[in-house]
N, C-alpha and C. Protein backbone atom coordinates (compact mmCIF):
# COMPACT_ATOMS: atom_id res chain seq x y z
N MET A 1 -18.95 -22.86 -50.55
CA MET A 1 -20.09 -22.82 -51.40
C MET A 1 -21.27 -23.13 -50.44
N ARG A 2 -22.13 -22.60 -50.84
CA ARG A 2 -23.50 -22.92 -50.19
C ARG A 2 -24.34 -23.97 -50.58
N ILE A 3 -25.12 -24.38 -49.50
CA ILE A 3 -25.81 -25.43 -49.69
C ILE A 3 -27.29 -25.09 -50.08
N ILE A 4 -27.98 -25.60 -51.33
CA ILE A 4 -29.22 -25.22 -51.63
C ILE A 4 -30.14 -25.79 -51.47
N PHE A 5 -30.48 -26.66 -50.30
CA PHE A 5 -31.55 -27.47 -50.15
C PHE A 5 -31.14 -27.54 -48.52
N LEU A 6 -32.70 -27.82 -48.01
CA LEU A 6 -32.74 -27.97 -46.61
C LEU A 6 -32.07 -29.40 -46.17
N LEU A 7 -31.31 -29.42 -45.16
CA LEU A 7 -30.84 -30.51 -44.48
C LEU A 7 -32.19 -30.94 -43.43
N ASP A 8 -32.53 -32.48 -43.71
CA ASP A 8 -33.28 -33.21 -42.63
C ASP A 8 -32.55 -34.08 -41.84
N SER A 9 -33.08 -34.31 -41.31
CA SER A 9 -32.23 -35.50 -39.77
C SER A 9 -31.68 -36.76 -40.16
N ILE A 10 -31.88 -37.26 -41.15
CA ILE A 10 -31.06 -38.74 -41.78
C ILE A 10 -29.56 -37.53 -42.96
N ASP A 11 -29.83 -36.25 -43.57
CA ASP A 11 -29.06 -35.83 -43.97
C ASP A 11 -27.89 -35.55 -42.79
N ILE A 12 -28.52 -35.07 -42.01
CA ILE A 12 -27.24 -34.90 -40.44
C ILE A 12 -26.63 -35.83 -39.89
N LYS A 13 -27.59 -36.67 -39.43
CA LYS A 13 -26.62 -38.47 -39.33
C LYS A 13 -25.52 -38.58 -40.05
N ILE A 14 -26.29 -38.52 -41.20
CA ILE A 14 -25.29 -38.91 -42.50
C ILE A 14 -23.68 -38.28 -42.06
N LEU A 15 -24.08 -36.39 -42.11
CA LEU A 15 -22.56 -35.92 -42.16
C LEU A 15 -22.00 -35.73 -40.78
N ARG A 16 -22.84 -36.02 -39.33
CA ARG A 16 -22.16 -36.49 -38.37
C ARG A 16 -21.50 -38.12 -38.50
N THR A 17 -21.74 -38.61 -38.89
CA THR A 17 -21.23 -40.23 -39.26
C THR A 17 -20.01 -40.29 -39.78
N VAL A 18 -19.85 -39.36 -41.32
CA VAL A 18 -19.15 -39.09 -42.27
C VAL A 18 -17.71 -38.25 -41.32
N GLN A 19 -18.27 -37.12 -40.57
CA GLN A 19 -16.97 -36.78 -40.33
C GLN A 19 -16.48 -37.71 -38.74
N ALA A 20 -17.08 -38.05 -38.22
CA ALA A 20 -16.88 -39.16 -37.22
C ALA A 20 -15.49 -39.91 -37.69
N GLU A 21 -16.24 -40.75 -38.98
CA GLU A 21 -15.57 -41.71 -39.45
C GLU A 21 -15.66 -41.81 -40.65
N PRO A 22 -14.70 -41.16 -41.04
CA PRO A 22 -14.87 -41.10 -42.72
C PRO A 22 -14.54 -42.26 -43.97
N GLY A 23 -13.91 -43.05 -43.09
CA GLY A 23 -13.69 -43.87 -43.83
C GLY A 23 -14.20 -45.24 -44.36
N LEU A 24 -15.67 -45.13 -43.51
CA LEU A 24 -17.05 -45.82 -43.64
C LEU A 24 -17.60 -46.36 -44.94
N SER A 25 -17.57 -47.77 -45.09
CA SER A 25 -18.34 -48.17 -46.67
C SER A 25 -19.68 -47.11 -46.73
N VAL A 26 -20.15 -47.68 -47.62
CA VAL A 26 -21.48 -47.28 -47.93
C VAL A 26 -22.51 -47.73 -47.15
N GLN A 27 -22.18 -49.14 -47.21
CA GLN A 27 -22.92 -50.06 -46.89
C GLN A 27 -23.17 -49.84 -45.37
N ASP A 28 -21.81 -49.54 -44.58
CA ASP A 28 -21.72 -49.99 -43.19
C ASP A 28 -22.16 -47.99 -42.81
N LEU A 29 -22.21 -46.81 -43.52
CA LEU A 29 -22.87 -45.59 -42.92
C LEU A 29 -24.47 -45.75 -43.57
N ALA A 30 -24.55 -46.77 -44.27
CA ALA A 30 -26.26 -46.75 -44.31
C ALA A 30 -27.01 -47.84 -43.20
N ASP A 31 -26.01 -48.42 -42.56
CA ASP A 31 -26.63 -49.22 -41.40
C ASP A 31 -26.72 -48.33 -40.39
N ARG A 32 -25.37 -47.59 -40.12
CA ARG A 32 -25.45 -46.55 -38.90
C ARG A 32 -26.78 -45.35 -38.83
N VAL A 33 -27.15 -45.16 -40.24
CA VAL A 33 -28.13 -43.84 -40.44
C VAL A 33 -29.59 -44.70 -40.57
N GLY A 34 -29.60 -46.03 -40.75
CA GLY A 34 -30.73 -46.19 -40.59
C GLY A 34 -31.46 -46.27 -42.31
N LEU A 35 -31.10 -46.69 -43.54
CA LEU A 35 -31.62 -46.32 -44.52
C LEU A 35 -30.69 -47.70 -45.39
N SER A 36 -31.21 -48.45 -46.54
CA SER A 36 -30.48 -49.13 -47.38
C SER A 36 -29.51 -49.03 -48.21
N HIS A 37 -29.07 -49.59 -48.77
CA HIS A 37 -27.52 -49.09 -49.57
C HIS A 37 -27.48 -47.95 -50.73
N THR A 38 -28.29 -48.11 -51.19
CA THR A 38 -29.08 -46.94 -52.57
C THR A 38 -29.51 -45.89 -51.89
N PRO A 39 -30.20 -45.74 -51.35
CA PRO A 39 -30.50 -44.47 -51.12
C PRO A 39 -29.81 -43.81 -50.16
N CYS A 40 -29.08 -44.11 -49.27
CA CYS A 40 -27.79 -43.40 -48.66
C CYS A 40 -27.04 -43.04 -49.50
N TRP A 41 -26.66 -43.87 -50.54
CA TRP A 41 -25.66 -43.52 -51.47
C TRP A 41 -25.55 -42.22 -52.36
N ARG A 42 -27.45 -42.30 -52.77
CA ARG A 42 -28.09 -41.15 -53.52
C ARG A 42 -27.86 -40.17 -52.37
N ARG A 43 -28.12 -39.97 -50.92
CA ARG A 43 -28.20 -38.84 -49.89
C ARG A 43 -26.71 -38.30 -50.01
N LEU A 44 -25.86 -39.48 -49.57
CA LEU A 44 -24.20 -38.94 -49.66
C LEU A 44 -23.75 -38.37 -50.93
N LYS A 45 -24.00 -38.82 -52.30
CA LYS A 45 -23.63 -38.23 -53.30
C LYS A 45 -24.45 -36.35 -53.43
N LYS A 46 -25.33 -36.74 -53.35
CA LYS A 46 -26.15 -35.40 -52.85
C LYS A 46 -25.58 -34.11 -52.06
N LEU A 47 -25.00 -34.92 -50.94
CA LEU A 47 -24.24 -33.68 -49.82
C LEU A 47 -22.73 -33.29 -50.88
N GLU A 48 -22.47 -34.27 -51.57
CA GLU A 48 -21.29 -33.63 -51.68
C GLU A 48 -21.39 -33.39 -52.94
N ALA A 49 -22.14 -33.37 -54.02
CA ALA A 49 -22.64 -32.16 -54.90
C ALA A 49 -22.83 -30.58 -54.26
N SER A 50 -23.51 -31.03 -53.68
CA SER A 50 -24.15 -29.36 -52.98
C SER A 50 -22.80 -28.68 -52.27
N GLY A 51 -22.16 -29.26 -52.18
CA GLY A 51 -20.95 -28.51 -51.21
C GLY A 51 -20.66 -28.81 -49.94
N ALA A 52 -21.62 -29.89 -49.45
CA ALA A 52 -22.00 -29.67 -48.09
C ALA A 52 -20.66 -30.57 -47.38
N ILE A 53 -20.08 -32.37 -48.03
CA ILE A 53 -18.88 -32.82 -47.95
C ILE A 53 -17.95 -32.13 -49.43
N VAL A 54 -16.70 -31.92 -48.46
CA VAL A 54 -16.14 -31.51 -49.54
C VAL A 54 -14.66 -32.03 -50.09
N GLU A 55 -14.31 -33.04 -49.17
CA GLU A 55 -13.74 -34.33 -49.12
C GLU A 55 -13.25 -34.84 -47.61
N ARG A 56 -13.28 -36.48 -47.99
CA ARG A 56 -12.69 -37.46 -46.20
C ARG A 56 -11.81 -37.45 -46.01
N ALA A 57 -11.51 -36.67 -44.17
CA ALA A 57 -10.11 -37.05 -44.28
C ALA A 57 -9.75 -37.67 -43.38
N THR A 58 -8.00 -38.04 -43.06
CA THR A 58 -7.36 -38.68 -42.11
C THR A 58 -6.87 -38.32 -41.19
N ILE A 59 -6.96 -38.11 -39.94
CA ILE A 59 -6.52 -36.77 -38.93
C ILE A 59 -4.42 -37.94 -39.01
N LEU A 60 -3.52 -37.22 -39.44
CA LEU A 60 -2.03 -37.79 -39.17
C LEU A 60 -1.55 -37.09 -38.03
N ASN A 61 -0.88 -37.56 -37.11
CA ASN A 61 -0.55 -37.04 -36.33
C ASN A 61 1.01 -36.47 -36.32
N PRO A 62 1.75 -35.47 -36.58
CA PRO A 62 2.45 -34.70 -37.22
C PRO A 62 3.59 -35.09 -35.74
N ASP A 63 3.85 -35.33 -35.13
CA ASP A 63 4.90 -35.87 -33.94
C ASP A 63 5.39 -36.90 -34.71
N ALA A 64 4.50 -37.44 -34.79
CA ALA A 64 4.77 -38.72 -35.25
C ALA A 64 5.84 -39.21 -36.47
N LEU A 65 5.45 -38.22 -37.17
CA LEU A 65 6.03 -38.15 -38.85
C LEU A 65 7.38 -37.17 -38.92
N GLY A 66 7.23 -36.51 -37.84
CA GLY A 66 8.63 -35.70 -37.77
C GLY A 66 8.05 -33.85 -37.65
N LEU A 67 6.75 -33.54 -37.77
CA LEU A 67 6.64 -32.57 -37.93
C LEU A 67 6.22 -31.62 -37.30
N SER A 68 6.81 -31.59 -35.63
CA SER A 68 6.99 -31.14 -34.39
C SER A 68 6.01 -29.16 -34.52
N ILE A 69 6.51 -28.57 -35.23
CA ILE A 69 6.41 -27.38 -35.09
C ILE A 69 5.35 -27.00 -36.20
N THR A 70 4.42 -26.28 -35.27
CA THR A 70 3.15 -25.36 -35.86
C THR A 70 3.25 -23.88 -35.89
N VAL A 71 2.96 -23.16 -37.08
CA VAL A 71 3.71 -21.70 -36.86
C VAL A 71 2.66 -20.95 -37.59
N TYR A 72 2.19 -20.11 -36.76
CA TYR A 72 0.83 -19.51 -37.33
C TYR A 72 1.72 -17.50 -38.04
N ALA A 73 1.41 -17.85 -39.38
CA ALA A 73 1.91 -16.57 -40.16
C ALA A 73 1.52 -15.70 -40.27
N ASN A 74 1.44 -14.29 -39.61
CA ASN A 74 0.20 -13.22 -40.22
C ASN A 74 1.51 -12.39 -41.17
N ILE A 75 0.51 -12.72 -42.57
CA ILE A 75 1.19 -12.32 -43.53
C ILE A 75 0.33 -10.66 -43.76
N ARG A 76 0.99 -9.78 -44.37
CA ARG A 76 0.90 -8.55 -44.28
C ARG A 76 1.06 -8.17 -45.87
N LEU A 77 0.10 -7.40 -47.02
CA LEU A 77 0.61 -7.85 -48.42
C LEU A 77 1.08 -6.32 -49.02
N LYS A 78 1.78 -5.97 -50.03
CA LYS A 78 2.50 -4.48 -50.21
C LYS A 78 0.76 -3.79 -50.92
N GLN A 79 0.35 -4.49 -51.73
CA GLN A 79 -0.98 -3.94 -52.48
C GLN A 79 -1.71 -4.94 -52.18
N HIS A 80 -3.70 -4.85 -52.53
CA HIS A 80 -4.61 -5.50 -52.34
C HIS A 80 -5.39 -5.25 -53.57
N ASP A 81 -4.90 -5.53 -54.87
CA ASP A 81 -5.27 -5.40 -56.00
C ASP A 81 -5.76 -6.95 -56.30
N GLU A 82 -6.51 -6.89 -57.17
CA GLU A 82 -7.28 -8.64 -57.65
C GLU A 82 -6.24 -9.49 -57.49
N ALA A 83 -5.52 -9.22 -58.78
CA ALA A 83 -4.33 -9.96 -58.96
C ALA A 83 -3.18 -10.43 -58.27
N THR A 84 -2.75 -9.60 -57.25
CA THR A 84 -1.97 -9.35 -56.26
C THR A 84 -2.64 -10.88 -55.33
N LEU A 85 -3.82 -10.45 -54.96
CA LEU A 85 -4.04 -11.36 -53.64
C LEU A 85 -4.71 -12.73 -54.68
N GLU A 86 -5.10 -12.92 -55.52
CA GLU A 86 -4.87 -14.61 -56.52
C GLU A 86 -3.80 -14.65 -56.60
N ALA A 87 -2.98 -13.88 -56.82
CA ALA A 87 -1.65 -14.70 -57.21
C ALA A 87 -1.41 -15.44 -55.70
N PHE A 88 -1.13 -14.24 -54.37
CA PHE A 88 -0.79 -14.79 -53.11
C PHE A 88 -1.58 -16.31 -53.00
N GLU A 89 -2.80 -16.34 -53.42
CA GLU A 89 -3.68 -17.76 -52.78
C GLU A 89 -2.97 -18.78 -53.63
N ARG A 90 -2.58 -18.49 -54.90
CA ARG A 90 -2.41 -19.79 -55.30
C ARG A 90 -1.35 -20.31 -55.45
N ALA A 91 -0.60 -19.48 -54.89
CA ALA A 91 0.85 -19.72 -54.72
C ALA A 91 0.88 -20.96 -53.40
N THR A 92 -0.19 -19.86 -52.36
CA THR A 92 0.14 -20.91 -51.26
C THR A 92 -0.42 -22.31 -51.19
N LEU A 93 -1.34 -22.26 -52.42
CA LEU A 93 -1.50 -23.48 -52.80
C LEU A 93 -0.42 -24.63 -52.82
N GLU A 94 0.33 -23.92 -53.46
CA GLU A 94 1.68 -25.07 -54.05
C GLU A 94 2.66 -25.45 -52.89
N CYS A 95 2.15 -24.95 -51.60
CA CYS A 95 3.49 -25.34 -50.40
C CYS A 95 2.66 -26.11 -49.89
N PRO A 96 3.29 -27.61 -49.57
CA PRO A 96 2.55 -28.58 -49.01
C PRO A 96 3.21 -27.76 -47.25
N GLU A 97 3.93 -27.32 -46.68
CA GLU A 97 3.91 -26.96 -45.68
C GLU A 97 3.01 -26.05 -44.49
N ILE A 98 2.47 -24.98 -45.94
CA ILE A 98 1.08 -24.63 -45.68
C ILE A 98 0.03 -25.18 -45.50
N VAL A 99 -0.35 -25.83 -44.46
CA VAL A 99 -1.75 -26.50 -44.80
C VAL A 99 -3.12 -25.92 -44.33
N GLU A 100 -3.00 -24.70 -44.12
CA GLU A 100 -4.03 -23.76 -44.29
C GLU A 100 -3.45 -22.51 -44.08
N CYS A 101 -4.86 -21.40 -44.85
CA CYS A 101 -4.97 -20.07 -45.37
C CYS A 101 -5.66 -19.56 -45.56
N PHE A 102 -6.22 -18.60 -44.44
CA PHE A 102 -7.15 -17.65 -44.54
C PHE A 102 -6.99 -16.23 -44.32
N SER A 103 -7.59 -15.72 -45.21
CA SER A 103 -7.98 -14.54 -45.81
C SER A 103 -8.71 -13.68 -44.16
N MET A 104 -8.04 -12.81 -44.14
CA MET A 104 -8.51 -12.18 -42.67
C MET A 104 -9.07 -10.81 -42.80
N SER A 105 -9.75 -9.99 -41.89
CA SER A 105 -9.92 -8.56 -41.44
C SER A 105 -8.91 -8.40 -40.49
N GLY A 106 -8.55 -7.11 -40.68
CA GLY A 106 -7.88 -6.16 -39.12
C GLY A 106 -6.71 -6.39 -39.55
N GLU A 107 -5.70 -6.94 -38.87
CA GLU A 107 -4.25 -5.69 -39.30
C GLU A 107 -3.30 -7.21 -40.24
N SER A 108 -3.83 -8.19 -40.43
CA SER A 108 -3.33 -9.55 -41.46
C SER A 108 -3.95 -9.09 -42.46
N ASP A 109 -3.39 -9.54 -43.49
CA ASP A 109 -4.22 -10.32 -44.71
C ASP A 109 -4.79 -11.63 -44.92
N TYR A 110 -3.68 -12.56 -44.49
CA TYR A 110 -3.64 -13.63 -44.65
C TYR A 110 -3.50 -14.13 -43.28
N VAL A 111 -3.54 -14.96 -42.68
CA VAL A 111 -2.87 -15.80 -41.81
C VAL A 111 -3.11 -17.94 -42.47
N LEU A 112 -1.41 -17.81 -41.88
CA LEU A 112 -0.84 -19.32 -42.64
C LEU A 112 -0.93 -20.06 -41.62
N ARG A 113 -1.29 -21.54 -41.54
CA ARG A 113 -1.24 -22.76 -40.58
C ARG A 113 -0.03 -23.55 -41.35
N ILE A 114 1.43 -23.31 -40.63
CA ILE A 114 2.63 -24.21 -41.25
C ILE A 114 3.28 -25.30 -40.43
N VAL A 115 3.32 -25.80 -40.97
CA VAL A 115 3.77 -27.27 -40.50
C VAL A 115 5.43 -27.79 -40.86
N THR A 116 6.00 -27.87 -39.79
CA THR A 116 7.05 -28.39 -40.72
C THR A 116 8.29 -29.28 -39.37
N GLY A 117 9.34 -29.58 -39.76
CA GLY A 117 9.79 -30.59 -38.69
C GLY A 117 11.15 -30.13 -37.33
N SER A 118 11.29 -28.14 -37.77
CA SER A 118 12.31 -27.82 -36.78
C SER A 118 12.34 -26.50 -37.10
N VAL A 119 12.38 -25.64 -36.02
CA VAL A 119 12.42 -24.11 -36.16
C VAL A 119 13.40 -23.49 -37.53
N ALA A 120 14.77 -24.39 -37.66
CA ALA A 120 15.35 -24.05 -38.73
C ALA A 120 14.91 -24.57 -39.78
N GLN A 121 14.43 -25.32 -40.46
CA GLN A 121 13.51 -25.70 -41.21
C GLN A 121 12.52 -24.55 -41.82
N TYR A 122 11.71 -24.28 -40.46
CA TYR A 122 10.81 -23.22 -40.85
C TYR A 122 11.72 -21.72 -40.92
N GLU A 123 12.68 -21.27 -40.40
CA GLU A 123 13.72 -20.27 -41.13
C GLU A 123 13.92 -20.79 -42.24
N ALA A 124 14.28 -21.87 -42.89
CA ALA A 124 14.65 -21.89 -44.42
C ALA A 124 13.28 -20.96 -45.14
N PHE A 125 12.31 -22.34 -45.19
CA PHE A 125 11.18 -22.02 -45.11
C PHE A 125 10.71 -20.31 -45.79
N LEU A 126 11.22 -19.12 -44.63
CA LEU A 126 10.44 -18.52 -44.54
C LEU A 126 10.94 -17.59 -45.40
N LYS A 127 12.98 -18.08 -45.50
CA LYS A 127 13.41 -16.87 -46.39
C LYS A 127 13.25 -17.26 -47.64
N LYS A 128 13.42 -18.69 -48.46
CA LYS A 128 13.30 -19.04 -49.39
C LYS A 128 12.07 -19.11 -50.04
N VAL A 129 10.90 -19.48 -49.09
CA VAL A 129 9.45 -19.45 -49.51
C VAL A 129 8.35 -18.14 -49.08
N LEU A 130 8.52 -17.97 -48.15
CA LEU A 130 7.08 -17.30 -47.70
C LEU A 130 7.97 -15.70 -48.03
N LEU A 131 8.99 -15.08 -47.54
CA LEU A 131 8.67 -13.95 -47.90
C LEU A 131 9.16 -13.79 -49.46
N HIS A 132 9.24 -14.65 -50.43
CA HIS A 132 9.06 -14.50 -52.21
C HIS A 132 7.32 -14.38 -52.35
N LEU A 133 6.55 -14.86 -51.68
CA LEU A 133 5.40 -14.81 -52.12
C LEU A 133 5.04 -13.92 -52.58
N PRO A 134 3.83 -13.85 -53.65
CA PRO A 134 3.75 -12.77 -54.14
C PRO A 134 2.99 -11.78 -53.68
N GLY A 135 3.36 -10.33 -53.36
CA GLY A 135 3.09 -9.15 -52.85
C GLY A 135 3.20 -9.42 -51.67
N VAL A 136 4.22 -10.62 -51.00
CA VAL A 136 4.37 -10.41 -49.44
C VAL A 136 5.15 -9.35 -48.80
N ALA A 137 4.30 -8.28 -48.26
CA ALA A 137 5.50 -7.35 -47.43
C ALA A 137 5.88 -7.35 -46.07
N THR A 138 5.10 -8.11 -45.24
CA THR A 138 5.76 -8.64 -43.70
C THR A 138 5.18 -10.21 -43.06
N VAL A 139 6.09 -10.71 -42.28
CA VAL A 139 5.38 -11.63 -42.41
C VAL A 139 6.00 -12.11 -40.45
N ASN A 140 5.03 -12.10 -39.61
CA ASN A 140 4.78 -11.98 -38.55
C ASN A 140 4.55 -13.58 -38.02
N SER A 141 5.51 -14.20 -37.58
CA SER A 141 5.31 -15.97 -37.15
C SER A 141 5.17 -15.72 -35.75
N SER A 142 4.29 -16.55 -35.29
CA SER A 142 4.03 -17.24 -33.91
C SER A 142 4.39 -18.89 -33.84
N PHE A 143 4.93 -19.42 -33.06
CA PHE A 143 5.23 -20.93 -32.57
C PHE A 143 3.91 -21.44 -31.92
N ALA A 144 3.63 -22.20 -32.23
CA ALA A 144 2.65 -22.90 -31.07
C ALA A 144 3.21 -23.95 -29.61
N LEU A 145 2.66 -23.66 -28.70
CA LEU A 145 3.85 -24.36 -28.06
C LEU A 145 3.43 -25.85 -27.58
N LYS A 146 1.58 -25.76 -27.39
CA LYS A 146 1.66 -27.25 -27.83
C LYS A 146 -0.06 -27.44 -28.32
N CYS A 147 -0.49 -28.46 -29.06
CA CYS A 147 -1.87 -28.42 -29.23
C CYS A 147 -3.37 -29.15 -28.46
N VAL A 148 -3.84 -27.83 -28.19
CA VAL A 148 -5.06 -28.74 -27.18
C VAL A 148 -6.16 -29.10 -27.75
N LYS A 149 -6.60 -28.97 -28.85
CA LYS A 149 -7.54 -29.30 -29.73
C LYS A 149 -7.08 -29.01 -30.95
N LEU A 150 -7.47 -30.47 -31.83
CA LEU A 150 -7.42 -30.08 -33.04
C LEU A 150 -8.58 -31.07 -33.84
N THR A 151 -9.30 -30.64 -34.57
CA THR A 151 -10.62 -31.23 -35.12
C THR A 151 -10.76 -31.12 -36.21
N THR A 152 -11.61 -31.46 -36.88
CA THR A 152 -12.38 -31.46 -38.59
C THR A 152 -13.67 -31.57 -38.47
N LYS A 153 -14.20 -32.15 -36.98
CA LYS A 153 -15.15 -32.12 -37.12
C LYS A 153 -16.69 -30.72 -36.51
N LEU A 154 -17.45 -30.02 -37.68
CA LEU A 154 -18.24 -29.04 -37.13
C LEU A 154 -19.27 -29.44 -35.85
N PRO A 155 -19.89 -28.71 -35.55
CA PRO A 155 -20.89 -28.31 -34.59
C PRO A 155 -22.24 -28.83 -35.22
N ILE A 156 -22.62 -30.00 -35.73
CA ILE A 156 -23.46 -29.62 -36.32
C ILE A 156 -24.22 -31.49 -35.69
């Protein structure tokens, strides 16, 4: 989504603060950026309405939850008509194991980041789900060895 207004220094402060601490109350956010409650709330709502803020998130530790396997699956589709692309994208939204899906240029049509508890669980997901998503021709999987950096913070 495209932002249709210019961000000023207060908007940037709000965005930096919210992405660093998504659980802050409006009053705490207002205190941190130097506004009173109501003007801060209005700006926050404007940033949300514009699409600059999509949602607030908490990052969970996948290892602590028994989800220590991260797989990047490069997907090629059999055909590239609008119906197939839309059906594939809709289907990925229904799979909680798929935590990211990117439409790509280059050799792959899509790259998926998949989180699971074991290699065996991924294999079952591959056989039972991935290979049956609409239009899938090939899946090329790469397993992450370790996470060096993971952030949702944009460089603003």
